[in-house]
Amino acid sequence: FTLGAPKPYSKILYTSIEDPSLTVESTAKDCSTPEIGACPTVLMYGTSLDTLTVSATVPSGGTPAGNYSAMTFQVCYADAYTKGRPWRSPKDVIGRDKQC
C-alpha cells in the first residue's frame, strides 16, 4: 500500500463464481420483507446479538466447487438498508460492491 494510491480491489464478478452445488447455511432467520427492523435477525455489536454463524458444504469431485482451496463469506446490507443510499449500491464486480 502506498499513501495516495488507490487500494487494490478484486475485478472478479460475483456472477462468474456462483456455484449451485455449494450449500451455505447460517443462524440468520429467513426474512422476506424489505422493511427496516422487521426481520428476526439483527446483529448488534457488544450485545448477545453480535454473532452470526455461517457454514458451507463444498462438494468434492467433478464440480467447480471441488477445485476451491478457500472460501470467504460476506455479510451484506438488506435492500431496506441500501435504498436511497448510493454509497451502499450493489455491483457485480466484487471489488466495487458497496452492499457487502
Protein backbone atom coordinates (compact mmCIF):
# COMPACT_ATOMS: atom_id res chain seq x y z
CA PHE A 1 0.00 0.00 0.00
CA THR A 2 1.29 3.42 -0.94
CA LEU A 3 -0.16 6.56 0.58
CA GLY A 4 -2.34 8.27 -2.02
CA ALA A 5 -2.53 5.24 -4.31
CA PRO A 6 -5.93 3.61 -4.82
CA LYS A 7 -6.33 0.39 -2.85
CA PRO A 8 -6.35 -2.79 -4.94
CA TYR A 9 -9.69 -4.49 -5.48
CA SER A 10 -10.96 -7.71 -6.99
CA LYS A 11 -12.20 -7.44 -10.57
CA ILE A 12 -13.94 -10.83 -10.41
CA LEU A 13 -17.70 -10.83 -10.96
CA TYR A 14 -19.99 -12.39 -8.37
CA THR A 15 -21.96 -13.98 -11.22
CA SER A 16 -18.81 -15.70 -12.50
CA ILE A 17 -18.25 -17.58 -9.23
CA GLU A 18 -21.78 -18.70 -8.43
CA ASP A 19 -21.95 -22.46 -7.95
CA PRO A 20 -25.34 -24.07 -7.34
CA SER A 21 -23.64 -27.15 -5.88
CA LEU A 22 -22.49 -25.19 -2.80
CA THR A 23 -24.71 -25.28 0.27
CA VAL A 24 -24.50 -22.31 2.64
CA GLU A 25 -26.34 -22.18 5.96
CA SER A 26 -26.43 -19.56 8.70
CA THR A 27 -28.10 -18.84 12.01
CA ALA A 28 -29.93 -15.91 10.37
CA LYS A 29 -33.69 -16.32 10.20
CA ASP A 30 -35.40 -16.01 6.81
CA CYS A 31 -36.85 -12.62 6.03
CA SER A 32 -38.97 -11.74 3.03
CA THR A 33 -39.80 -8.12 3.84
CA PRO A 34 -37.63 -5.14 2.87
CA GLU A 35 -38.96 -3.15 5.85
CA ILE A 36 -36.26 -1.87 8.22
CA GLY A 37 -36.33 -3.65 11.58
CA ALA A 38 -38.92 -6.23 10.52
CA CYS A 39 -36.54 -9.19 10.17
CA PRO A 40 -35.92 -11.52 13.10
CA THR A 41 -32.10 -11.49 12.81
CA VAL A 42 -30.49 -8.24 13.94
CA LEU A 43 -26.76 -8.01 14.66
CA MET A 44 -25.78 -5.56 17.39
CA TYR A 45 -22.15 -5.02 18.42
CA GLY A 46 -21.39 -5.55 22.10
CA THR A 47 -24.56 -7.49 22.90
CA SER A 48 -25.61 -11.12 22.90
CA LEU A 49 -26.76 -10.46 19.31
CA ASP A 50 -23.26 -9.84 17.92
CA THR A 51 -22.65 -13.28 16.39
CA LEU A 52 -23.77 -14.86 13.15
CA THR A 53 -22.66 -18.42 12.41
CA VAL A 54 -22.20 -19.36 8.75
CA SER A 55 -21.15 -22.72 7.33
CA ALA A 56 -20.75 -24.13 3.86
CA THR A 57 -20.78 -27.61 2.38
CA VAL A 58 -18.40 -27.88 -0.54
CA PRO A 59 -18.90 -30.99 -2.66
CA SER A 60 -15.81 -32.82 -3.79
CA GLY A 61 -15.22 -34.34 -7.16
CA GLY A 62 -16.08 -33.14 -10.62
CA THR A 63 -17.85 -29.88 -9.74
CA PRO A 64 -16.21 -26.47 -9.93
CA ALA A 65 -16.64 -26.24 -6.15
CA GLY A 66 -14.35 -29.22 -5.75
CA ASN A 67 -11.47 -27.07 -7.01
CA TYR A 68 -11.78 -24.35 -4.34
CA SER A 69 -8.98 -24.03 -1.80
CA ALA A 70 -10.54 -21.22 0.26
CA MET A 71 -13.89 -19.57 0.83
CA THR A 72 -14.83 -16.08 2.01
CA PHE A 73 -18.23 -15.11 3.40
CA GLN A 74 -19.58 -11.59 3.14
CA VAL A 75 -22.34 -10.09 5.21
CA CYS A 76 -24.42 -7.69 3.15
CA TYR A 77 -26.95 -4.98 3.87
CA ALA A 78 -30.56 -5.94 3.12
CA ASP A 79 -32.39 -3.97 0.41
CA ALA A 80 -34.12 -1.81 3.02
CA TYR A 81 -30.72 -0.52 4.15
CA THR A 82 -29.45 0.26 0.64
CA LYS A 83 -32.49 2.09 -0.75
CA GLY A 84 -31.71 5.80 -1.03
CA ARG A 85 -28.09 5.18 -0.02
CA PRO A 86 -25.92 5.23 -3.16
CA TRP A 87 -22.80 4.57 -1.05
CA ARG A 88 -24.21 1.06 -0.42
CA SER A 89 -25.03 0.26 -4.02
CA PRO A 90 -24.63 -3.38 -5.12
CA LYS A 91 -22.27 -4.12 -8.01
CA ASP A 92 -21.44 -7.40 -9.73
CA VAL A 93 -17.70 -6.64 -9.57
CA ILE A 94 -16.62 -7.85 -6.12
CA GLY A 95 -14.17 -5.01 -5.51
CA ARG A 96 -16.73 -2.35 -6.44
CA ASP A 97 -19.65 -3.76 -4.46
CA LYS A 98 -20.75 -1.49 -1.61
CA GLN A 99 -23.68 -3.59 -0.35
CA CYS A 100 -21.45 -6.14 1.38
